Protein backbone atom coordinates (compact mmCIF):
# COMPACT_ATOMS: atom_id res chain seq x y z
CA MET A 1 -0.05 0.15 -0.08
CA SER A 2 2.97 2.43 0.78
CA SER A 3 4.01 1.90 -2.76
CA TRP A 4 0.67 2.92 -4.25
CA VAL A 5 0.83 6.39 -2.37
CA LYS A 6 4.65 6.87 -2.76
CA ARG A 7 5.53 6.64 0.84
CA GLU A 8 8.06 3.59 1.08
CA LYS A 9 10.56 5.64 2.84
CA GLU A 10 8.46 6.24 5.75
CA LEU A 11 8.28 2.81 6.43
CA HIS A 12 11.70 1.62 6.29
CA ARG A 13 13.42 -0.02 9.00
CA GLU A 14 10.25 1.36 11.02
CA ILE A 15 8.55 -1.15 13.45
CA LEU A 16 5.10 -1.91 12.04
CA GLY A 17 3.88 -4.58 14.28
CA PHE A 18 4.85 -6.69 17.54
CA SER A 19 4.44 -10.17 18.52
CA ILE A 20 4.84 -12.05 21.82
CA SER A 21 5.65 -15.91 21.84
CA HIS A 22 6.10 -17.77 25.00
CA ASP A 23 6.71 -21.59 26.09
CA HIS A 24 6.02 -22.74 29.88
CA ARG A 25 8.73 -20.44 31.38
CA SER A 26 9.95 -17.92 29.02
CA VAL A 27 8.47 -15.07 26.95
CA TRP A 28 9.62 -13.26 23.87
CA ILE A 29 8.64 -9.91 22.58
CA TYR A 30 9.73 -8.87 19.05
CA GLY A 31 9.27 -5.73 16.47
CA HIS A 32 8.75 -6.46 12.89
CA TYR A 33 10.07 -3.99 10.47
CA PRO A 34 10.81 -3.76 6.68
CA VAL A 35 14.01 -2.91 5.04
CA THR A 36 13.36 -1.45 1.62
CA GLU A 37 15.84 -1.59 -1.11
CA GLY A 38 14.58 -0.30 -4.61
CA LYS A 39 11.70 -2.21 -5.39
CA LYS A 40 12.66 -5.27 -2.98
CA THR A 41 11.28 -5.14 0.55
CA THR A 42 12.40 -7.79 3.05
CA PHE A 43 10.59 -8.22 6.56
CA TYR A 44 12.66 -8.84 9.75
CA ARG A 45 12.21 -9.47 13.24
CA HIS A 46 13.74 -7.54 16.16
CA PRO A 47 14.09 -9.16 19.42
CA ILE A 48 13.00 -6.51 22.06
CA HIS A 49 12.94 -8.24 25.08
CA GLU A 50 13.20 -11.87 26.63
CA PHE A 51 12.37 -13.01 30.26
CA SER A 52 11.26 -15.62 32.43
CA PHE A 53 7.78 -15.15 34.12
CA ALA A 54 8.63 -18.07 36.49
CA ALA A 55 11.57 -16.12 38.03
CA PRO A 56 11.20 -16.38 41.59
CA ASP A 57 11.29 -12.47 42.53
CA GLY A 58 8.46 -12.17 40.42
CA LYS A 59 9.66 -8.67 38.71
CA GLU A 60 8.73 -9.54 35.37
CA LYS A 61 5.38 -11.17 35.80
CA TRP A 62 3.56 -8.09 34.57
CA THR A 63 5.87 -7.16 31.49
CA ALA A 64 3.94 -8.81 28.72
CA TYR A 65 0.60 -7.30 30.00
CA LYS A 66 2.28 -3.72 30.37
CA PHE A 67 4.14 -3.89 26.95
CA THR A 68 0.70 -5.23 25.30
CA LYS A 69 -1.24 -2.47 26.96
CA SER A 70 1.18 0.08 25.95
CA VAL A 71 0.98 -0.93 22.22
CA TYR A 72 -2.54 -0.48 22.21
CA ASP A 73 -2.52 2.74 24.28
CA ILE A 74 0.21 4.59 22.63
CA TRP A 75 1.80 2.98 19.71
CA MET A 76 -1.66 1.95 17.87
CA PRO A 77 -3.35 5.00 17.94
CA THR A 78 -0.12 6.83 15.90
CA HIS A 79 0.02 3.76 13.66
CA PHE A 80 -3.82 3.59 13.11
CA LYS A 81 -3.54 7.47 11.92
CA ARG A 82 -0.67 6.87 9.59
CA LEU A 83 -2.63 3.84 7.94
CA CYS A 84 -5.88 5.88 7.45
CA SER A 85 -3.74 8.59 5.85
CA ALA A 86 -2.08 6.33 3.46
CA ILE A 87 -5.46 4.77 2.63
CA ASP A 88 -6.95 8.38 2.14
CA ALA A 89 -3.87 8.65 -0.18
CA ILE A 90 -4.67 5.90 -2.50
CA PRO A 91 -5.50 6.91 -6.04
CA PRO A 92 -8.91 5.84 -7.45
CA ASP A 93 -7.70 4.01 -10.14
CA ILE A 94 -5.49 1.63 -8.25
CA ASN A 95 -5.90 -2.20 -9.25
CA PHE A 96 -6.32 -4.11 -5.62
CA GLU A 97 -5.84 -7.77 -7.51
CA LEU A 98 -2.48 -9.32 -5.95
CA SER A 99 0.60 -10.03 -8.52
CA GLU A 100 2.00 -13.51 -8.64
CA GLU A 101 5.35 -11.69 -9.04
CA SER A 102 5.17 -9.99 -5.48
CA ASP A 103 8.84 -8.27 -4.55
CA LEU A 104 8.46 -9.02 -0.86
CA GLN A 105 11.22 -11.39 0.66
CA PHE A 106 10.83 -12.79 4.07
CA PRO A 107 14.23 -14.24 5.69
CA SER A 108 14.06 -17.78 6.98
CA SER A 109 12.76 -18.36 10.43
CA SER A 110 15.04 -18.54 13.54
CA GLY A 111 12.87 -21.06 15.29
CA ARG A 112 10.58 -19.14 17.56
CA SER A 113 8.10 -17.96 15.01
CA GLN A 114 4.16 -18.50 15.61
CA GLY A 115 1.37 -18.19 13.14
CA LEU A 116 -0.34 -15.04 13.52
CA GLN A 117 -3.69 -14.77 15.03
CA SER A 118 -6.00 -11.69 16.14
CA GLN A 119 -5.68 -10.64 19.65
CA HIS A 120 -8.02 -8.40 21.68
CA LEU A 121 -7.00 -6.60 24.97
CA SER A 122 -9.85 -6.76 27.40
CA GLU A 123 -10.96 -3.84 29.16
CA SER A 124 -8.58 -3.44 32.41
CA GLY A 125 -8.02 -0.87 35.28
CA ALA A 126 -4.17 -0.53 34.54
CA THR A 127 -2.80 2.87 35.72
CA ASP A 128 -0.77 5.46 33.86
CA ASP A 129 2.52 4.15 35.63
CA GLU A 130 1.85 0.64 34.19
CA LEU A 131 1.84 1.71 30.89
CA SER A 132 5.61 2.38 30.37
CA LEU A 133 7.32 0.38 27.46
CA ILE A 134 10.01 -2.10 28.30
CA GLU A 135 13.55 -1.53 27.31
CA ALA A 136 14.89 -3.07 24.14
CA GLN A 137 18.07 -5.11 23.36
CA GLU A 138 20.70 -3.86 20.83
CA VAL A 139 20.69 -6.28 18.20
CA THR A 140 19.46 -4.77 14.92
CA PRO A 141 21.20 -1.72 14.00
CA ASP A 142 19.59 1.52 12.64
CA THR A 143 16.02 0.61 13.91
CA SER A 144 14.05 2.71 16.45
CA ILE A 145 14.88 0.37 19.57
CA THR A 146 18.11 0.20 20.68
CA PRO A 147 18.89 0.55 24.71
CA GLU A 148 20.32 -2.66 25.87
CA SER A 149 18.64 -4.56 28.98
CA LYS A 150 19.78 -7.32 31.25
CA LEU A 151 17.82 -10.66 31.06
CA VAL A 152 16.87 -12.33 34.15
CA GLY A 153 17.82 -16.05 34.28
CA PHE A 154 15.37 -18.89 35.25
CA LYS A 155 15.67 -20.46 38.81
CA LYS A 156 14.00 -23.18 40.17
CA PRO A 157 11.78 -22.86 43.04
CA LYS A 158 12.81 -24.69 46.26
CA ARG A 159 11.17 -27.43 47.87
CA ARG A 160 9.71 -27.01 51.11
């Protein structure tokens, strides 16, 4: 869509979506962004944060919730305005049929990917101080998320 309205440069290396995946003890939060080189667009996944929700100190038990709430309350309204602006700028003579010769490229999976599903955040009574975004790891150069964070290791609970 961005190519139809000549706004590809706005999206280059800009995080356009997020995903959260987990197993029985750890959670991974990722940002997804395109890299545009001429007519070729490749999508990448940037690791934002990894943590164990089973950590005995309990520091991370609300991290995924706070991050998701921040995406809905802070990031999504701005992203939605950008989408609406691009939709409004689409010329009326555009053909919406998909081409079989797509220029989109997806790098091979690194192992922790999941299928995409529609997720809805239920109404909550979160306070403003709970809406802070988590720190990011510096992994992918030239993206909008660059601070480095320390990860907490998993410890088995003591038997009583």
